[in-house]
Amino acid sequence: MKVAIRRMGNSQGVLIPKPLLVQVGLEREAEMVIEKGCIVLRRPQEKAREGWAEASRKIAEAEDDKLVWPEFTNDEDAELRW
């Protein structure tokens, strides 16, 4: 499919038909990179551990943050000095 490159303010751009965006799962934002001389749009990658702090807060508020594994020690731990 050929598309026209249009002037958009001080920039240039292309209009992407909605069916194409839906087909690849792009909704509100996209990650844009250059790969081998091509402009590539893809779904943004989630950051590692994104949302973990909020999830941990909710678990703590629900008082559901007890240890899953029992505490354990090694035989030699009594000799350690901190």
Protein backbone atom coordinates (compact mmCIF):
# COMPACT_ATOMS: atom_id res chain seq x y z
CA MET A 1 0.00 0.00 0.00
CA LYS A 2 1.39 3.39 -0.95
CA VAL A 3 0.66 6.32 1.34
CA ALA A 4 1.24 10.02 0.87
CA ILE A 5 3.70 11.81 3.11
CA ARG A 6 1.84 14.92 4.25
CA ARG A 7 2.87 18.14 5.86
CA MET A 8 1.72 18.29 9.51
CA GLY A 9 2.71 21.62 11.03
CA ASN A 10 6.50 21.83 10.93
CA SER A 11 6.75 18.06 10.47
CA GLN A 12 5.67 15.46 7.96
CA GLY A 13 3.66 12.33 8.52
CA VAL A 14 1.46 9.61 7.12
CA LEU A 15 -2.07 8.59 8.02
CA ILE A 16 -2.31 4.94 9.00
CA PRO A 17 -5.67 3.34 8.27
CA LYS A 18 -7.44 2.17 11.43
CA PRO A 19 -7.82 -1.46 10.22
CA LEU A 20 -4.02 -1.73 10.00
CA LEU A 21 -3.57 -0.36 13.51
CA VAL A 22 -6.18 -2.77 14.87
CA GLN A 23 -4.56 -5.70 13.06
CA VAL A 24 -1.21 -5.13 14.79
CA GLY A 25 -2.69 -4.08 18.15
CA LEU A 26 -1.67 -0.41 18.21
CA GLU A 27 -4.12 1.78 20.08
CA ARG A 28 -2.91 4.96 21.75
CA GLU A 29 0.84 4.92 21.33
CA ALA A 30 3.56 3.08 19.48
CA GLU A 31 7.29 2.61 19.74
CA MET A 32 9.03 3.92 16.62
CA VAL A 33 12.51 2.73 15.63
CA ILE A 34 14.70 2.59 12.56
CA GLU A 35 15.73 -0.93 11.53
CA LYS A 36 17.80 -1.60 8.42
CA GLY A 37 16.72 1.67 6.83
CA CYS A 38 13.02 1.17 7.61
CA ILE A 39 10.72 3.01 10.01
CA VAL A 40 9.14 0.39 12.27
CA LEU A 41 6.15 0.94 14.57
CA ARG A 42 5.43 -1.63 17.26
CA ARG A 43 3.52 -1.99 20.50
CA PRO A 44 5.43 -0.35 23.35
CA GLN A 45 7.32 -2.82 25.51
CA GLU A 46 6.30 -2.82 29.14
CA LYS A 47 9.09 -1.89 31.48
CA ALA A 48 10.42 -4.65 33.69
CA ARG A 49 8.60 -4.69 37.02
CA GLU A 50 6.16 -2.01 35.87
CA GLY A 51 3.25 -1.89 38.29
CA TRP A 52 4.98 -3.97 40.96
CA ALA A 53 5.10 -1.14 43.52
CA GLU A 54 1.35 -0.56 43.25
CA ALA A 55 0.63 -4.28 43.44
CA SER A 56 2.87 -4.60 46.53
CA ARG A 57 1.07 -1.70 48.20
CA LYS A 58 -2.31 -3.35 47.61
CA ILE A 59 -1.05 -6.67 49.01
CA ALA A 60 0.28 -4.91 52.13
CA GLU A 61 -3.00 -3.01 52.60
CA ALA A 62 -4.89 -6.31 52.40
CA GLU A 63 -2.46 -7.73 55.02
CA ASP A 64 -1.70 -10.56 52.62
CA ASP A 65 2.07 -10.11 52.78
CA LYS A 66 3.04 -12.93 55.11
CA LEU A 67 6.12 -15.02 54.28
CA VAL A 68 5.36 -17.84 51.89
CA TRP A 69 8.44 -19.79 52.87
CA PRO A 70 9.23 -20.22 56.55
CA GLU A 71 12.35 -18.52 57.74
CA PHE A 72 15.31 -20.84 57.65
CA THR A 73 18.94 -20.64 58.64
CA ASN A 74 22.14 -22.53 58.07
CA ASP A 75 23.89 -24.37 60.87
CA GLU A 76 26.85 -21.99 60.67
CA ASP A 77 24.75 -18.81 60.87
CA ALA A 78 25.10 -18.57 64.66
CA GLU A 79 28.82 -17.93 64.20
CA LEU A 80 28.30 -14.93 61.90
CA ARG A 81 28.91 -11.43 63.24
CA TRP A 82 27.00 -8.50 61.75
